[in-house]
PDB file of N, CA and C in Angstrom:
ATOM      1  N   MET A   1      98.928  98.920 106.264  1.00  0.00           N
ATOM      2  CA  MET A   1      99.580  97.625 106.219  1.00  0.00           C
ATOM      3  C   MET A   1     100.204  97.283 107.616  1.00  0.00           C
ATOM      4  N   ALA A   2      99.881  96.163 108.097  1.00  0.00           N
ATOM      5  CA  ALA A   2     100.348  95.766 109.424  1.00  0.00           C
ATOM      6  C   ALA A   2     101.857  95.283 109.376  1.00  0.00           C
ATOM      7  N   LYS A   3     102.569  95.626 110.377  1.00  0.00           N
ATOM      8  CA  LYS A   3     103.987  95.238 110.420  1.00  0.00           C
ATOM      9  C   LYS A   3     104.057  93.679 110.950  1.00  0.00           C
ATOM     10  N   ASN A   4     104.970  92.960 110.353  1.00  0.00           N
ATOM     11  CA  ASN A   4     105.058  91.634 110.917  1.00  0.00           C
ATOM     12  C   ASN A   4     106.098  91.695 112.148  1.00  0.00           C
ATOM     13  N   HIS A   5     106.230  90.537 112.751  1.00  0.00           N
ATOM     14  CA  HIS A   5     106.868  90.528 114.043  1.00  0.00           C
ATOM     15  C   HIS A   5     108.364  91.093 113.938  1.00  0.00           C
ATOM     16  N   THR A   6     109.061  90.724 112.912  1.00  0.00           N
ATOM     17  CA  THR A   6     110.486  91.143 112.767  1.00  0.00           C
ATOM     18  C   THR A   6     110.601  92.638 112.474  1.00  0.00           C
ATOM     19  N   GLU A   7     109.678  93.193 111.684  1.00  0.00           N
ATOM     20  CA  GLU A   7     109.724  94.595 111.429  1.00  0.00           C
ATOM     21  C   GLU A   7     109.445  95.448 112.598  1.00  0.00           C
ATOM     22  N   SER A   8     108.608  94.985 113.544  1.00  0.00           N
ATOM     23  CA  SER A   8     108.214  95.799 114.667  1.00  0.00           C
ATOM     24  C   SER A   8     109.248  95.820 115.766  1.00  0.00           C
ATOM     25  N   ARG A   9     110.203  94.864 115.626  1.00  0.00           N
ATOM     26  CA  ARG A   9     111.308  94.704 116.603  1.00  0.00           C
ATOM     27  C   ARG A   9     112.654  95.097 116.089  1.00  0.00           C
ATOM     28  N   ASN A  10     112.663  95.902 115.133  1.00  0.00           N
ATOM     29  CA  ASN A  10     113.938  96.288 114.405  1.00  0.00           C
ATOM     30  C   ASN A  10     114.626  97.517 115.230  1.00  0.00           C
ATOM     31  N   ASN A  11     115.148  97.142 116.361  1.00  0.00           N
ATOM     32  CA  ASN A  11     115.906  98.179 117.163  1.00  0.00           C
ATOM     33  C   ASN A  11     117.026  97.478 117.831  1.00  0.00           C
ATOM     34  N   ASN A  12     117.776  98.290 118.653  1.00  0.00           N
ATOM     35  CA  ASN A  12     118.972  97.798 119.360  1.00  0.00           C
ATOM     36  C   ASN A  12     118.737  97.576 120.789  1.00  0.00           C
ATOM     37  N   PHE A  13     117.609  97.440 121.280  1.00  0.00           N
ATOM     38  CA  PHE A  13     117.354  97.257 122.693  1.00  0.00           C
ATOM     39  C   PHE A  13     117.834  95.917 123.131  1.00  0.00           C
ATOM     40  N   GLY A  14     117.748  94.940 122.275  1.00  0.00           N
ATOM     41  CA  GLY A  14     118.338  93.633 122.670  1.00  0.00           C
ATOM     42  C   GLY A  14     119.822  93.621 122.857  1.00  0.00           C
ATOM     43  N   THR A  15     120.461  94.345 121.972  1.00  0.00           N
ATOM     44  CA  THR A  15     121.899  94.468 122.053  1.00  0.00           C
ATOM     45  C   THR A  15     122.354  95.277 123.393  1.00  0.00           C
ATOM     46  N   LEU A  16     121.667  96.390 123.649  1.00  0.00           N
ATOM     47  CA  LEU A  16     121.873  97.120 124.841  1.00  0.00           C
ATOM     48  C   LEU A  16     121.676  96.233 126.067  1.00  0.00           C
ATOM     49  N   HIS A  17     120.556  95.435 126.056  1.00  0.00           N
ATOM     50  CA  HIS A  17     120.224  94.595 127.129  1.00  0.00           C
ATOM     51  C   HIS A  17     121.237  93.611 127.394  1.00  0.00           C
ATOM     52  N   LEU A  18     121.791  92.996 126.284  1.00  0.00           N
ATOM     53  CA  LEU A  18     122.899  92.033 126.398  1.00  0.00           C
ATOM     54  C   LEU A  18     124.140  92.632 126.978  1.00  0.00           C
ATOM     55  N   LEU A  19     124.490  93.821 126.509  1.00  0.00           N
ATOM     56  CA  LEU A  19     125.732  94.521 127.011  1.00  0.00           C
ATOM     57  C   LEU A  19     125.552  94.846 128.511  1.00  0.00           C
ATOM     58  N   ALA A  20     124.384  95.244 128.947  1.00  0.00           N
ATOM     59  CA  ALA A  20     124.174  95.544 130.348  1.00  0.00           C
ATOM     60  C   ALA A  20     124.319  94.202 131.113  1.00  0.00           C
ATOM     61  N   ALA A  21     123.696  93.090 130.642  1.00  0.00           N
ATOM     62  CA  ALA A  21     123.779  91.831 131.345  1.00  0.00           C
ATOM     63  C   ALA A  21     125.302  91.383 131.500  1.00  0.00           C
ATOM     64  N   ILE A  22     126.072  91.629 130.470  1.00  0.00           N
ATOM     65  CA  ILE A  22     127.483  91.255 130.569  1.00  0.00           C
ATOM     66  C   ILE A  22     128.179  92.077 131.538  1.00  0.00           C
ATOM     67  N   PHE A  23     127.789  93.414 131.688  1.00  0.00           N
ATOM     68  CA  PHE A  23     128.363  94.304 132.698  1.00  0.00           C
ATOM     69  C   PHE A  23     128.052  93.728 134.119  1.00  0.00           C
ATOM     70  N   VAL A  24     126.843  93.313 134.327  1.00  0.00           N
ATOM     71  CA  VAL A  24     126.448  92.708 135.691  1.00  0.00           C
ATOM     72  C   VAL A  24     127.269  91.437 135.937  1.00  0.00           C
ATOM     73  N   LEU A  25     127.298  90.537 134.933  1.00  0.00           N
ATOM     74  CA  LEU A  25     128.121  89.349 135.217  1.00  0.00           C
ATOM     75  C   LEU A  25     129.550  89.612 135.459  1.00  0.00           C
ATOM     76  N   TYR A  26     130.178  90.477 134.664  1.00  0.00           N
ATOM     77  CA  TYR A  26     131.606  90.812 134.849  1.00  0.00           C
ATOM     78  C   TYR A  26     131.832  91.444 136.234  1.00  0.00           C
ATOM     79  N   GLY A  27     130.936  92.282 136.657  1.00  0.00           N
ATOM     80  CA  GLY A  27     131.012  92.906 138.030  1.00  0.00           C
ATOM     81  C   GLY A  27     130.949  91.853 139.056  1.00  0.00           C
ATOM     82  N   HIS A  28     130.052  90.958 138.918  1.00  0.00           N
ATOM     83  CA  HIS A  28     129.962  89.931 139.902  1.00  0.00           C
ATOM     84  C   HIS A  28     131.085  88.968 139.966  1.00  0.00           C
ATOM     85  N   GLN A  29     131.661  88.703 138.751  1.00  0.00           N
ATOM     86  CA  GLN A  29     132.836  87.815 138.665  1.00  0.00           C
ATOM     87  C   GLN A  29     133.979  88.480 139.451  1.00  0.00           C
ATOM     88  N   CYS A  30     134.129  89.789 139.334  1.00  0.00           N
ATOM     89  CA  CYS A  30     135.215  90.484 140.012  1.00  0.00           C
ATOM     90  C   CYS A  30     134.957  90.329 141.469  1.00  0.00           C
ATOM     91  N   ALA A  31     133.836  90.519 141.952  1.00  0.00           N
ATOM     92  CA  ALA A  31     133.495  90.342 143.417  1.00  0.00           C
ATOM     93  C   ALA A  31     133.848  88.926 143.884  1.00  0.00           C
ATOM     94  N   LEU A  32     133.475  87.949 143.158  1.00  0.00           N
ATOM     95  CA  LEU A  32     133.753  86.586 143.523  1.00  0.00           C
ATOM     96  C   LEU A  32     135.219  86.193 143.640  1.00  0.00           C
ATOM     97  N   LEU A  33     136.007  86.901 142.722  1.00  0.00           N
ATOM     98  CA  LEU A  33     137.457  86.643 142.698  1.00  0.00           C
ATOM     99  C   LEU A  33     138.189  87.594 143.538  1.00  0.00           C
ATOM    100  N   ASN A  34     137.524  88.470 144.391  1.00  0.00           N
ATOM    101  CA  ASN A  34     138.137  89.412 145.295  1.00  0.00           C
ATOM    102  C   ASN A  34     139.037  90.427 144.539  1.00  0.00           C
ATOM    103  N   GLN A  35     138.421  90.798 143.369  1.00  0.00           N
ATOM    104  CA  GLN A  35     139.207  91.893 142.546  1.00  0.00           C
ATOM    105  C   GLN A  35     138.328  93.151 142.615  1.00  0.00           C
ATOM    106  N   ALA A  36     139.012  94.270 142.287  1.00  0.00           N
ATOM    107  CA  ALA A  36     138.279  95.523 142.317  1.00  0.00           C
ATOM    108  C   ALA A  36     137.469  95.545 141.058  1.00  0.00           C
ATOM    109  N   SER A  37     136.239  95.980 141.192  1.00  0.00           N
ATOM    110  CA  SER A  37     135.222  96.112 140.091  1.00  0.00           C
ATOM    111  C   SER A  37     135.553  97.344 139.330  1.00  0.00           C
ATOM    112  N   PRO A  38     135.568  97.235 137.967  1.00  0.00           N
ATOM    113  CA  PRO A  38     135.810  98.455 137.165  1.00  0.00           C
ATOM    114  C   PRO A  38     134.719  99.481 137.410  1.00  0.00           C
ATOM    115  N   GLN A  39     135.116 100.737 137.270  1.00  0.00           N
ATOM    116  CA  GLN A  39     134.242 101.938 137.438  1.00  0.00           C
ATOM    117  C   GLN A  39     133.867 102.534 136.068  1.00  0.00           C
ATOM    118  N   ILE A  40     132.629 102.882 135.934  1.00  0.00           N
ATOM    119  CA  ILE A  40     132.139 103.649 134.638  1.00  0.00           C
ATOM    120  C   ILE A  40     131.310 104.824 135.289  1.00  0.00           C
ATOM    121  N   LEU A  41     131.775 106.073 134.940  1.00  0.00           N
ATOM    122  CA  LEU A  41     131.093 107.253 135.395  1.00  0.00           C
ATOM    123  C   LEU A  41     130.979 107.300 136.926  1.00  0.00           C
ATOM    124  N   GLY A  42     131.970 106.787 137.680  1.00  0.00           N
ATOM    125  CA  GLY A  42     131.864 106.837 139.100  1.00  0.00           C
ATOM    126  C   GLY A  42     131.074 105.722 139.711  1.00  0.00           C
ATOM    127  N   SER A  43     130.540 104.871 139.031  1.00  0.00           N
ATOM    128  CA  SER A  43     129.756 103.740 139.573  1.00  0.00           C
ATOM    129  C   SER A  43     130.447 102.379 139.190  1.00  0.00           C
ATOM    130  N   GLN A  44     130.195 101.406 139.999  1.00  0.00           N
ATOM    131  CA  GLN A  44     130.690 100.065 139.662  1.00  0.00           C
ATOM    132  C   GLN A  44     129.976  99.626 138.430  1.00  0.00           C
ATOM    133  N   ILE A  45     130.710  98.734 137.690  1.00  0.00           N
ATOM    134  CA  ILE A  45     130.140  98.397 136.352  1.00  0.00           C
ATOM    135  C   ILE A  45     128.884  97.585 136.474  1.00  0.00           C
ATOM    136  N   GLN A  46     128.710  96.759 137.459  1.00  0.00           N
ATOM    137  CA  GLN A  46     127.427  95.967 137.621  1.00  0.00           C
ATOM    138  C   GLN A  46     126.274  96.942 137.960  1.00  0.00           C
ATOM    139  N   ALA A  47     126.531  98.056 138.681  1.00  0.00           N
ATOM    140  CA  ALA A  47     125.443  98.991 138.996  1.00  0.00           C
ATOM    141  C   ALA A  47     125.023  99.679 137.772  1.00  0.00           C
ATOM    142  N   VAL A  48     125.953 100.009 136.900  1.00  0.00           N
ATOM    143  CA  VAL A  48     125.630 100.648 135.596  1.00  0.00           C
ATOM    144  C   VAL A  48     124.762  99.662 134.728  1.00  0.00           C
ATOM    145  N   GLY A  49     125.180  98.434 134.696  1.00  0.00           N
ATOM    146  CA  GLY A  49     124.376  97.404 133.907  1.00  0.00           C
ATOM    147  C   GLY A  49     122.980  97.322 134.472  1.00  0.00           C
ATOM    148  N   VAL A  50     122.771  97.285 135.721  1.00  0.00           N
ATOM    149  CA  VAL A  50     121.441  97.197 136.310  1.00  0.00           C
ATOM    150  C   VAL A  50     120.626  98.421 136.017  1.00  0.00           C
ATOM    151  N   LYS A  51     121.247  99.521 135.976  1.00  0.00           N
ATOM    152  CA  LYS A  51     120.578 100.803 135.698  1.00  0.00           C
ATOM    153  C   LYS A  51     120.121 100.843 134.209  1.00  0.00           C
ATOM    154  N   ILE A  52     121.039 100.349 133.343  1.00  0.00           N
ATOM    155  CA  ILE A  52     120.655 100.221 131.903  1.00  0.00           C
ATOM    156  C   ILE A  52     119.497  99.259 131.760  1.00  0.00           C
ATOM    157  N   ILE A  53     119.472  98.149 132.338  1.00  0.00           N
ATOM    158  CA  ILE A  53     118.417  97.163 132.213  1.00  0.00           C
ATOM    159  C   ILE A  53     117.136  97.747 132.716  1.00  0.00           C
ATOM    160  N   PHE A  54     117.025  98.482 133.854  1.00  0.00           N
ATOM    161  CA  PHE A  54     115.821  99.078 134.330  1.00  0.00           C
ATOM    162  C   PHE A  54     115.391 100.188 133.363  1.00  0.00           C
ATOM    163  N   LEU A  55     116.341 101.023 132.875  1.00  0.00           N
ATOM    164  CA  LEU A  55     116.035 102.057 132.015  1.00  0.00           C
ATOM    165  C   LEU A  55     115.339 101.474 130.716  1.00  0.00           C
ATOM    166  N   ILE A  56     115.827 100.441 130.067  1.00  0.00           N
ATOM    167  CA  ILE A  56     115.275  99.897 128.923  1.00  0.00           C
ATOM    168  C   ILE A  56     113.852  99.322 129.153  1.00  0.00           C
ATOM    169  N   SER A  57     113.801  98.551 130.295  1.00  0.00           N
ATOM    170  CA  SER A  57     112.519  97.958 130.676  1.00  0.00           C
ATOM    171  C   SER A  57     111.396  99.084 130.923  1.00  0.00           C
ATOM    172  N   GLY A  58     111.820 100.080 131.611  1.00  0.00           N
ATOM    173  CA  GLY A  58     110.852 101.199 131.912  1.00  0.00           C
ATOM    174  C   GLY A  58     110.377 101.877 130.571  1.00  0.00           C
ATOM    175  N   TYR A  59     111.309 102.098 129.699  1.00  0.00           N
ATOM    176  CA  TYR A  59     110.969 102.735 128.403  1.00  0.00           C
ATOM    177  C   TYR A  59     110.022 101.813 127.601  1.00  0.00           C
ATOM    178  N   LEU A  60     110.311 100.527 127.503  1.00  0.00           N
ATOM    179  CA  LEU A  60     109.480  99.646 126.745  1.00  0.00           C
ATOM    180  C   LEU A  60     108.103  99.475 127.419  1.00  0.00           C
ATOM    181  N   ILE A  61     107.976  99.471 128.758  1.00  0.00           N
ATOM    182  CA  ILE A  61     106.636  99.410 129.419  1.00  0.00           C
ATOM    183  C   ILE A  61     105.882 100.631 129.109  1.00  0.00           C
ATOM    184  N   VAL A  62     106.459 101.718 129.245  1.00  0.00           N
ATOM    185  CA  VAL A  62     105.721 103.054 128.951  1.00  0.00           C
ATOM    186  C   VAL A  62     105.302 103.106 127.533  1.00  0.00           C
ATOM    187  N   LYS A  63     106.184 102.790 126.612  1.00  0.00           N
ATOM    188  CA  LYS A  63     105.808 102.679 125.215  1.00  0.00           C
ATOM    189  C   LYS A  63     104.650 101.761 124.914  1.00  0.00           C
ATOM    190  N   SER A  64     104.630 100.652 125.632  1.00  0.00           N
ATOM    191  CA  SER A  64     103.477  99.659 125.420  1.00  0.00           C
ATOM    192  C   SER A  64     102.305 100.264 125.934  1.00  0.00           C
ATOM    193  N   LEU A  65     102.343 100.803 127.083  1.00  0.00           N
ATOM    194  CA  LEU A  65     101.076 101.458 127.700  1.00  0.00           C
ATOM    195  C   LEU A  65     100.571 102.539 126.910  1.00  0.00           C
ATOM    196  N   LEU A  66     101.456 103.374 126.263  1.00  0.00           N
ATOM    197  CA  LEU A  66     100.940 104.499 125.453  1.00  0.00           C
ATOM    198  C   LEU A  66     100.384 103.977 124.177  1.00  0.00           C
ATOM    199  N   SER A  67     100.899 102.883 123.669  1.00  0.00           N
ATOM    200  CA  SER A  67     100.391 102.427 122.288  1.00  0.00           C
ATOM    201  C   SER A  67      99.089 101.665 122.487  1.00  0.00           C
ATOM    202  N   GLU A  68      98.651 101.412 123.691  1.00  0.00           N
ATOM    203  CA  GLU A  68      97.301 100.696 123.835  1.00  0.00           C
ATOM    204  C   GLU A  68      96.224 101.788 123.849  1.00  0.00           C
ATOM    205  N   GLU A  69      96.475 102.974 123.973  1.00  0.00           N
ATOM    206  CA  GLU A  69      95.449 104.030 123.934  1.00  0.00           C
ATOM    207  C   GLU A  69      95.058 104.413 122.571  1.00  0.00           C
TER     208      GLU A  69
END
């Protein structure tokens, strides 16, 4: 039985992507207002957001490539 569109996308990647985008926006807001950017695990918050976005994108691309085989 084939999955419909909503069943195949039942995950939290959208939520993680949104959270990462908020990190990036907040970090840039701090820079624009000449405030110190918060740190998470020793990195600026916007850098963590960008890393999360690239990590999710890379995972989804690899998963897509592997499912085509």
